[in-house]
Amino acid sequence: MTGTGTIGTRQQVERWIEESQYLLGRVIPSVFDDNQRLRERAAASDAECDRMREEIATVRRELHEVQLELSGLRGQNDDLRSQQAAVAESLSRAVHHMNELMQPMNEMVTRLNVVQPAVESTYQ
């Protein structure tokens, strides 16, 4: 019996070896293929990451330039508002001064009760 058991065990071991060789023959190439595919994806991801870093740096530079321009425009806006306020104040004083100058004339017209004569048109 020991001879038959040994032969059966030996055949079983040989079958396992054959199955293992078959499985390893299929698994190892697929592992290598997966490894290569993952390396390519990693390289593509690294390249995309580098491209995005460059794009972010460009956008940051552009943002900084726009912020500087905005700051300058805000300064110009403040200057123009100050000038507008100064012009408005000057006009207000001028109108007030003109009203003061006109007041005596208006009072004289009112006192004299002068009505302006109607001007006849020669083109009738």
Protein backbone atom coordinates (compact mmCIF):
# COMPACT_ATOMS: atom_id res chain seq x y z
CA MET A 1 0.00 0.00 0.00
CA THR A 2 2.78 2.28 0.69
CA GLY A 3 3.96 1.96 -2.88
CA THR A 4 0.52 2.83 -4.26
CA GLY A 5 0.11 5.71 -1.83
CA THR A 6 3.49 7.03 -2.77
CA ILE A 7 2.69 6.81 -6.47
CA GLY A 8 -0.63 8.60 -5.93
CA THR A 9 1.06 11.29 -3.86
CA ARG A 10 3.78 11.65 -6.45
CA GLN A 11 1.21 12.02 -9.25
CA GLN A 12 -0.70 14.56 -7.17
CA VAL A 13 2.50 16.56 -6.57
CA GLU A 14 3.34 16.40 -10.30
CA ARG A 15 -0.18 17.62 -11.14
CA TRP A 16 0.20 20.50 -8.66
CA ILE A 17 3.53 21.42 -10.20
CA GLU A 18 2.01 21.38 -13.69
CA GLU A 19 -0.97 23.46 -12.54
CA SER A 20 1.35 25.85 -10.74
CA GLN A 21 3.52 26.23 -13.84
CA TYR A 22 0.41 26.84 -15.94
CA LEU A 23 -0.96 29.40 -13.46
CA LEU A 24 2.38 31.12 -13.06
CA GLY A 25 2.75 31.18 -16.84
CA ARG A 26 -0.50 33.11 -17.02
CA VAL A 27 -0.21 35.21 -13.86
CA ILE A 28 3.36 36.50 -14.18
CA PRO A 29 2.89 38.04 -17.65
CA SER A 30 -0.34 39.70 -16.53
CA VAL A 31 1.45 41.04 -13.42
CA PHE A 32 4.19 42.44 -15.66
CA ASP A 33 1.58 43.92 -18.01
CA ASP A 34 -0.26 45.49 -15.07
CA ASN A 35 3.02 46.81 -13.71
CA GLN A 36 3.91 48.39 -17.07
CA ARG A 37 0.44 49.88 -17.47
CA LEU A 38 0.57 51.34 -13.95
CA ARG A 39 4.03 52.80 -14.58
CA GLU A 40 2.75 54.46 -17.75
CA ARG A 41 -0.25 55.87 -15.87
CA ALA A 42 2.03 57.14 -13.11
CA ALA A 43 4.30 58.82 -15.68
CA ALA A 44 1.30 60.40 -17.40
CA SER A 45 -0.03 61.59 -14.04
CA ASP A 46 3.36 63.09 -13.17
CA ALA A 47 3.45 64.90 -16.51
CA GLU A 48 -0.10 66.20 -15.98
CA CYS A 49 0.82 67.32 -12.46
CA ASP A 50 3.85 69.22 -13.81
CA ARG A 51 1.70 70.85 -16.49
CA MET A 52 -0.86 71.90 -13.91
CA ARG A 53 1.85 73.30 -11.63
CA GLU A 54 3.09 75.45 -14.51
CA GLU A 55 -0.45 76.55 -15.31
CA ILE A 56 -1.07 77.45 -11.65
CA ALA A 57 2.14 79.47 -11.57
CA THR A 58 1.07 81.32 -14.73
CA VAL A 59 -2.38 82.04 -13.30
CA ARG A 60 -0.83 83.28 -10.04
CA ARG A 61 1.43 85.66 -11.98
CA GLU A 62 -1.54 86.92 -13.99
CA LEU A 63 -3.58 87.34 -10.81
CA HIS A 64 -0.78 89.37 -9.24
CA GLU A 65 -0.60 91.61 -12.32
CA VAL A 66 -4.37 92.12 -12.29
CA GLN A 67 -4.29 92.92 -8.57
CA LEU A 68 -1.60 95.53 -9.18
CA GLU A 69 -3.63 97.01 -12.04
CA LEU A 70 -6.75 97.04 -9.87
CA SER A 71 -4.87 98.80 -7.10
CA GLY A 72 -3.70 101.46 -9.57
CA LEU A 73 -7.21 101.90 -10.96
CA ARG A 74 -8.63 102.26 -7.45
CA GLY A 75 -6.07 104.99 -6.79
CA GLN A 76 -7.07 106.75 -10.01
CA ASN A 77 -10.73 106.38 -9.07
CA ASP A 78 -10.07 107.95 -5.67
CA ASP A 79 -8.19 110.83 -7.32
CA LEU A 80 -11.02 111.40 -9.81
CA ARG A 81 -13.61 111.34 -7.02
CA SER A 82 -11.58 113.91 -5.11
CA GLN A 83 -11.34 116.08 -8.21
CA GLN A 84 -15.07 115.67 -8.83
CA ALA A 85 -15.83 116.73 -5.26
CA ALA A 86 -13.53 119.74 -5.62
CA VAL A 87 -15.18 120.79 -8.91
CA ALA A 88 -18.64 120.34 -7.38
CA GLU A 89 -17.62 122.47 -4.40
CA SER A 90 -16.19 125.18 -6.68
CA LEU A 91 -19.34 125.21 -8.82
CA SER A 92 -21.50 125.37 -5.72
CA ARG A 93 -19.53 128.38 -4.44
CA ALA A 94 -19.70 130.03 -7.87
CA VAL A 95 -23.48 129.55 -8.07
CA HIS A 96 -23.85 130.85 -4.52
CA HIS A 97 -21.70 133.87 -5.38
CA MET A 98 -23.74 134.52 -8.56
CA ASN A 99 -26.95 134.30 -6.53
CA GLU A 100 -25.54 136.86 -4.10
CA LEU A 101 -24.66 139.13 -7.04
CA MET A 102 -28.08 138.69 -8.62
CA GLN A 103 -30.02 139.25 -5.41
CA PRO A 104 -29.63 143.06 -5.39
CA MET A 105 -30.62 143.21 -9.06
CA ASN A 106 -33.65 141.05 -8.43
CA GLU A 107 -34.61 143.28 -5.51
CA MET A 108 -34.29 146.39 -7.71
CA VAL A 109 -36.44 144.82 -10.40
CA THR A 110 -39.01 143.88 -7.80
CA ARG A 111 -39.00 147.39 -6.27
CA LEU A 112 -39.27 149.10 -9.61
CA ASN A 113 -41.86 146.61 -10.68
CA VAL A 114 -40.33 146.72 -14.10
CA VAL A 115 -41.82 144.51 -16.73
CA GLN A 116 -39.68 143.78 -19.68
CA PRO A 117 -41.18 145.21 -22.83
CA ALA A 118 -42.19 142.71 -25.43
CA VAL A 119 -39.85 142.78 -28.35
CA GLU A 120 -41.66 142.83 -31.63
CA SER A 121 -40.24 140.66 -34.27
CA THR A 122 -39.52 142.21 -37.65
CA TYR A 123 -39.95 138.87 -39.30
CA GLN A 124 -43.71 138.69 -38.91
